[in-house]
């Protein structure tokens, strides 16, 4: 029996479940495979890069859902989805990112519609719906933290987690609320091994005249992608990028720098703790290979022990 790469649920002889297709559109009854192999997608991403606003280390393509022809089309402009094919050097990045985003959703972090789709060569490509677009042509105001800090793509690591709090205090309408969201995200990233949350991976969005942290994106377990990761966080915390401790993450960053209450922090930890059994089930039902699942679970256990989460 097949499993749907969008929902992870069984889908009989079909390639997608009805529920998975309905997430994309209520009018969709099937979805053709993407008309490109992983290699062809990488080439397309390279050739189209100058025409697109979306960049980064992973190859990315802009896409639209073509309901009439039941397929996803790659486009230069007007895309409502971002596609990420298999990486040439780092294994299973689409499967990794999709899984990690699902884990984030389980603990209440805001996540856009996302999933995996089948490509022509039977590889999986990751998709995520753009939250900076609405309607036919309207752009939603979104700025990443590199822009807010006056930095660039080349200097996106030249900052600190303490200064990230300062940006929230300065730009967000309700910074007390957003600092709690930030703290939960930092705890999540530590637990699942995302050590690449640089300034371009934080953004604010303006909705109804209010500025808040945007939905999350680019969340993945980077630690298991690299053979010898030597950092645990992208931006230094208390001057350190590795050997993070409970005192550094919770007492120093949560209580002192984010100015959270003990009650708020306890609630975050309760949410994380209660999600662990569900997380493990999702990891085991993901499209990662057996070896990558084992690495993911092993790292999670280590990080949970480090934070005394049971």
Protein backbone atom coordinates (compact mmCIF):
# COMPACT_ATOMS: atom_id res chain seq x y z
CA UNK A 1 0.00 0.00 0.00
CA UNK A 2 1.28 3.45 -0.90
CA UNK A 3 1.56 6.35 1.52
CA UNK A 4 0.74 9.94 0.68
CA UNK A 5 3.86 12.15 0.68
CA UNK A 6 1.75 15.13 1.74
CA UNK A 7 -0.02 13.61 4.76
CA UNK A 8 2.04 10.39 5.36
CA UNK A 9 -1.28 8.51 5.45
CA UNK A 10 -2.00 5.30 3.50
CA UNK A 11 -3.46 5.98 0.06
CA UNK A 12 -4.02 2.52 -1.44
CA UNK A 13 -2.82 2.26 -5.01
CA UNK A 14 -2.89 6.05 -5.52
CA UNK A 15 0.16 8.27 -5.19
CA UNK A 16 -1.67 10.80 -3.01
CA UNK A 17 -4.46 10.61 -0.47
CA UNK A 18 -7.70 12.49 -1.01
CA UNK A 19 -6.96 14.50 2.13
CA UNK A 20 -3.53 15.44 0.80
CA UNK A 21 -4.92 16.65 -2.51
CA UNK A 22 -7.65 18.64 -0.74
CA UNK A 23 -4.98 20.55 1.15
CA UNK A 24 -3.78 21.86 -2.20
CA UNK A 25 -7.26 22.46 -3.61
CA UNK A 26 -10.78 21.17 -3.06
CA UNK A 27 -11.06 20.87 -6.85
CA UNK A 28 -8.10 18.51 -7.18
CA UNK A 29 -8.82 14.80 -7.65
CA UNK A 30 -5.34 13.69 -8.72
CA UNK A 31 -1.88 15.15 -9.29
CA UNK A 32 0.53 14.29 -12.06
CA UNK A 33 4.21 13.81 -11.30
CA UNK A 34 6.43 16.85 -11.66
CA UNK A 35 7.67 16.97 -15.26
CA UNK A 36 11.34 17.17 -14.27
CA UNK A 37 13.90 14.86 -12.70
CA UNK A 38 15.80 16.05 -9.61
CA UNK A 39 18.81 16.89 -11.78
CA UNK A 40 16.64 18.78 -14.26
CA UNK A 41 15.07 20.73 -11.42
CA UNK A 42 18.49 21.74 -10.13
CA UNK A 43 19.47 22.92 -13.60
CA UNK A 44 16.22 24.86 -13.94
CA UNK A 45 16.82 26.48 -10.56
CA UNK A 46 20.30 27.57 -11.65
CA UNK A 47 19.10 28.89 -15.01
CA UNK A 48 16.16 30.79 -13.52
CA UNK A 49 17.91 32.11 -10.40
CA UNK A 50 18.40 35.64 -11.75
CA UNK A 51 14.65 35.95 -12.45
CA UNK A 52 13.53 34.95 -8.98
CA UNK A 53 13.50 36.60 -5.57
CA UNK A 54 13.92 33.33 -3.68
CA UNK A 55 17.51 32.23 -3.09
CA UNK A 56 19.63 30.22 -0.66
CA UNK A 57 21.93 27.21 -0.48
CA UNK A 58 19.19 24.81 -1.59
CA UNK A 59 18.08 24.91 -5.23
CA UNK A 60 14.65 26.57 -5.38
CA UNK A 61 11.99 26.93 -8.03
CA UNK A 62 8.85 29.04 -8.20
CA UNK A 63 5.67 27.14 -9.06
CA UNK A 64 1.92 27.40 -9.58
CA UNK A 65 -0.79 24.81 -9.09
CA UNK A 66 -2.51 24.07 -12.41
CA UNK A 67 -5.84 22.66 -11.25
CA UNK A 68 -7.27 22.19 -14.75
CA UNK A 69 -4.39 19.95 -15.86
CA UNK A 70 -3.86 18.51 -12.36
CA UNK A 71 -0.18 19.33 -12.17
CA UNK A 72 2.33 21.78 -10.76
CA UNK A 73 3.95 24.16 -13.25
CA UNK A 74 7.36 25.76 -12.78
CA UNK A 75 7.20 29.50 -13.50
CA UNK A 76 9.50 32.52 -13.45
CA UNK A 77 6.98 34.94 -11.96
CA UNK A 78 3.66 34.81 -10.14
CA UNK A 79 4.42 31.56 -8.31
CA UNK A 80 2.48 30.67 -5.19
CA UNK A 81 4.67 27.75 -4.17
CA UNK A 82 8.40 27.18 -3.70
CA UNK A 83 9.86 23.83 -4.78
CA UNK A 84 13.08 22.29 -3.45
CA UNK A 85 14.39 19.19 -5.27
CA UNK A 86 16.87 16.63 -3.99
CA UNK A 87 20.24 18.23 -3.26
CA UNK A 88 23.27 17.14 -5.21
CA UNK A 89 25.45 16.68 -2.12
CA UNK A 90 23.25 16.54 0.99
CA UNK A 91 20.97 13.49 1.16
CA UNK A 92 17.22 13.55 1.67
CA UNK A 93 16.89 17.27 2.32
CA UNK A 94 13.29 17.47 1.00
CA UNK A 95 12.22 14.56 3.23
CA UNK A 96 14.12 16.10 6.16
CA UNK A 97 12.59 19.56 5.79
CA UNK A 98 9.06 18.26 5.32
CA UNK A 99 9.35 16.08 8.43
CA UNK A 100 10.85 18.89 10.52
CA UNK A 101 8.10 21.30 9.51
CA UNK A 102 5.51 18.72 10.57
CA UNK A 103 7.20 18.39 13.97
CA UNK A 104 7.14 22.18 14.37
CA UNK A 105 3.43 22.23 13.61
CA UNK A 106 2.83 19.69 16.39
CA UNK A 107 4.12 22.13 19.03
CA UNK A 108 2.12 25.08 17.77
CA UNK A 109 4.73 26.87 15.68
CA UNK A 110 3.07 28.54 12.70
CA UNK A 111 3.79 26.61 9.51
CA UNK A 112 2.59 27.25 5.93
CA UNK A 113 1.04 24.52 3.81
CA UNK A 114 3.84 22.16 2.75
CA UNK A 115 4.52 18.61 1.69
CA UNK A 116 6.31 16.35 -0.77
CA UNK A 117 5.42 15.62 -4.40
CA UNK A 118 6.64 12.95 -6.77
CA UNK A 119 8.98 13.93 -9.61
CA UNK A 120 9.53 12.30 -12.99
CA UNK A 121 12.44 10.17 -11.74
CA UNK A 122 10.46 8.95 -8.70
CA UNK A 123 12.34 11.25 -6.34
CA UNK A 124 10.53 13.50 -3.89
CA UNK A 125 10.50 17.28 -4.14
CA UNK A 126 9.55 19.51 -1.21
CA UNK A 127 6.93 22.22 -1.68
CA UNK A 128 5.83 25.08 0.54
CA UNK A 129 3.12 27.65 -0.08
CA UNK A 130 4.32 31.25 -0.10
CA UNK A 131 2.93 33.32 2.77
CA UNK A 132 4.18 36.57 1.25
CA UNK A 133 1.54 36.41 -1.49
CA UNK A 134 -2.25 36.54 -1.43
CA UNK A 135 -4.97 36.74 -4.07
CA UNK A 136 -3.87 37.05 -7.68
CA UNK A 137 -1.13 39.65 -7.47
CA UNK A 138 -1.01 41.07 -3.95
CA UNK A 139 2.27 41.00 -2.03
CA UNK A 140 2.17 40.74 1.75
CA UNK A 141 4.77 42.91 3.52
CA UNK A 142 7.53 40.60 4.78
CA UNK A 143 11.05 41.53 5.85
CA UNK A 144 13.73 39.15 7.06
CA UNK A 145 15.91 39.99 10.03
CA UNK A 146 18.97 40.62 7.87
CA UNK A 147 17.04 43.48 6.25
CA UNK A 148 15.89 44.77 9.64
CA UNK A 149 19.48 44.67 10.94
CA UNK A 150 20.90 46.36 7.85
CA UNK A 151 22.88 43.26 6.92
CA UNK A 152 23.06 41.17 3.74
CA UNK A 153 23.10 37.58 2.57
CA UNK A 154 26.87 37.65 2.98
CA UNK A 155 26.71 38.87 6.59
CA UNK A 156 23.65 36.92 7.79
CA UNK A 157 25.70 35.10 10.45
CA UNK A 158 27.30 38.26 11.85
CA UNK A 159 24.81 38.83 14.63
CA UNK A 160 23.76 37.28 17.93
CA UNK A 161 20.65 35.76 19.46
CA UNK A 162 20.60 38.58 22.00
CA UNK A 163 20.38 41.13 19.19
CA UNK A 164 17.53 39.13 17.62
CA UNK A 165 15.52 39.92 20.76
CA UNK A 166 16.37 43.58 20.24
CA UNK A 167 14.92 43.49 16.73
CA UNK A 168 11.69 41.99 18.05
CA UNK A 169 11.45 44.67 20.72
CA UNK A 170 12.03 47.35 18.10
CA UNK A 171 9.84 46.20 15.22
CA UNK A 172 7.05 43.92 16.52
CA UNK A 173 3.71 45.36 17.61
CA UNK A 174 3.44 43.03 20.61
CA UNK A 175 7.03 42.04 21.46
CA UNK A 176 6.08 40.17 24.64
CA UNK A 177 4.05 37.69 22.59
CA UNK A 178 6.68 37.37 19.86
CA UNK A 179 9.54 36.77 22.31
CA UNK A 180 7.66 33.76 23.65
CA UNK A 181 7.26 32.48 20.08
CA UNK A 182 10.99 33.07 19.53
CA UNK A 183 11.91 31.16 22.66
CA UNK A 184 9.79 28.16 21.63
CA UNK A 185 11.44 28.23 18.19
CA UNK A 186 14.92 28.32 19.72
CA UNK A 187 14.08 25.34 21.93
CA UNK A 188 12.62 23.49 18.97
CA UNK A 189 15.65 24.16 16.77
CA UNK A 190 17.99 22.92 19.49
CA UNK A 191 16.02 19.72 20.03
CA UNK A 192 15.75 18.76 16.35
CA UNK A 193 19.26 19.84 15.35
CA UNK A 194 18.62 22.92 13.22
CA UNK A 195 21.86 24.85 13.52
CA UNK A 196 21.27 27.09 10.50
CA UNK A 197 18.66 29.59 11.76
CA UNK A 198 20.56 32.65 10.52
CA UNK A 199 19.10 36.14 10.04
CA UNK A 200 17.58 35.34 6.63
CA UNK A 201 15.55 32.57 8.27
CA UNK A 202 13.77 34.92 10.68
CA UNK A 203 11.16 37.29 9.24
CA UNK A 204 8.39 39.63 10.32
CA UNK A 205 5.09 39.95 8.49
CA UNK A 206 2.60 42.82 8.56
CA UNK A 207 -1.05 41.77 8.78
CA UNK A 208 -3.96 44.09 9.60
CA UNK A 209 -1.48 46.81 10.48
CA UNK A 210 0.29 44.64 13.06
CA UNK A 211 3.88 43.41 12.79
CA UNK A 212 4.66 39.91 14.09
CA UNK A 213 6.98 37.01 13.43
CA UNK A 214 6.13 35.37 10.11
CA UNK A 215 5.20 31.72 9.65
CA UNK A 216 8.28 29.52 9.87
CA UNK A 217 10.27 28.24 6.91
CA UNK A 218 13.59 26.50 6.16
CA UNK A 219 13.35 24.33 9.27
CA UNK A 220 15.32 21.10 8.97
CA UNK A 221 17.66 18.90 10.95
CA UNK A 222 20.93 20.20 9.51
CA UNK A 223 22.97 18.28 12.08
CA UNK A 224 22.29 14.91 10.45
CA UNK A 225 22.92 16.36 6.98
CA UNK A 226 26.55 17.16 7.75
CA UNK A 227 29.08 14.51 8.71
CA UNK A 228 30.78 16.55 11.44
CA UNK A 229 28.65 19.50 12.49
CA UNK A 230 30.65 21.64 14.88
CA UNK A 231 27.92 24.09 15.89
CA UNK A 232 24.53 23.82 17.59
CA UNK A 233 23.19 27.26 16.70
CA UNK A 234 23.73 29.65 13.76
CA UNK A 235 23.93 32.89 15.74
CA UNK A 236 25.99 32.91 18.95
CA UNK A 237 24.21 32.84 22.28
CA UNK A 238 26.22 34.22 25.18
CA UNK A 239 29.14 34.25 22.76
CA UNK A 240 28.87 30.52 22.05
CA UNK A 241 27.69 28.45 19.08
CA UNK A 242 28.19 25.02 20.66
CA UNK A 243 28.08 23.26 24.01
CA UNK A 244 24.79 24.97 24.79
CA UNK A 245 23.36 24.18 28.21
CA UNK A 246 20.02 24.37 29.99
CA UNK A 247 21.24 27.40 31.92
CA UNK A 248 22.27 29.21 28.72
CA UNK A 249 19.10 28.43 26.80
CA UNK A 250 16.52 28.74 29.54
CA UNK A 251 17.81 30.82 32.43
CA UNK A 252 19.99 33.20 30.43
CA UNK A 253 18.11 33.45 27.13
CA UNK A 254 14.53 32.70 28.17
CA UNK A 255 14.34 34.40 31.54
CA UNK A 256 16.93 37.15 31.26
CA UNK A 257 17.09 38.15 27.60
CA UNK A 258 13.55 37.32 26.40
CA UNK A 259 12.18 38.48 29.78
CA UNK A 260 9.77 35.56 29.98
CA UNK A 261 8.09 34.40 33.15
CA UNK A 262 8.89 31.04 34.70
CA UNK A 263 5.26 30.08 34.09
CA UNK A 264 5.54 30.84 30.36
CA UNK A 265 8.75 28.83 30.05
CA UNK A 266 7.24 25.90 31.95
CA UNK A 267 4.31 25.90 29.52
CA UNK A 268 6.70 25.73 26.54
CA UNK A 269 8.46 22.77 28.11
CA UNK A 270 5.13 21.05 28.83
CA UNK A 271 4.17 21.48 25.17
CA UNK A 272 7.49 20.05 23.99
CA UNK A 273 7.38 17.15 26.43
CA UNK A 274 3.83 16.13 25.51
CA UNK A 275 4.71 16.19 21.80
CA UNK A 276 7.63 13.74 22.02
CA UNK A 277 5.62 10.50 21.52
CA UNK A 278 3.84 12.07 18.53
CA UNK A 279 7.16 13.34 17.16
CA UNK A 280 8.67 9.86 17.30
CA UNK A 281 5.67 8.40 15.51
CA UNK A 282 5.87 11.05 12.77
CA UNK A 283 9.62 10.50 12.35
CA UNK A 284 9.05 6.77 11.94
CA UNK A 285 6.28 7.32 9.39
CA UNK A 286 8.25 9.93 7.43
CA UNK A 287 9.85 9.40 4.02
CA UNK A 288 13.39 9.50 5.40
CA UNK A 289 15.46 6.36 4.92
CA UNK A 290 15.86 4.01 7.87
CA UNK A 291 19.38 5.24 8.53
CA UNK A 292 18.36 8.90 8.55
CA UNK A 293 15.39 8.16 10.82
CA UNK A 294 17.77 6.51 13.29
CA UNK A 295 20.10 9.51 13.21
CA UNK A 296 17.18 11.89 13.72
CA UNK A 297 15.85 9.93 16.70
CA UNK A 298 19.30 9.48 18.23
CA UNK A 299 20.03 13.21 18.15
CA UNK A 300 16.59 13.99 19.55
CA UNK A 301 17.21 11.72 22.54
CA UNK A 302 20.54 13.39 23.25
CA UNK A 303 19.07 16.89 23.10
CA UNK A 304 16.04 15.92 25.23
CA UNK A 305 18.39 14.59 27.91
CA UNK A 306 20.44 17.79 27.75
CA UNK A 307 17.31 19.83 28.52
CA UNK A 308 15.93 17.33 31.05
CA UNK A 309 12.79 16.79 28.99
CA UNK A 310 11.11 13.44 29.53
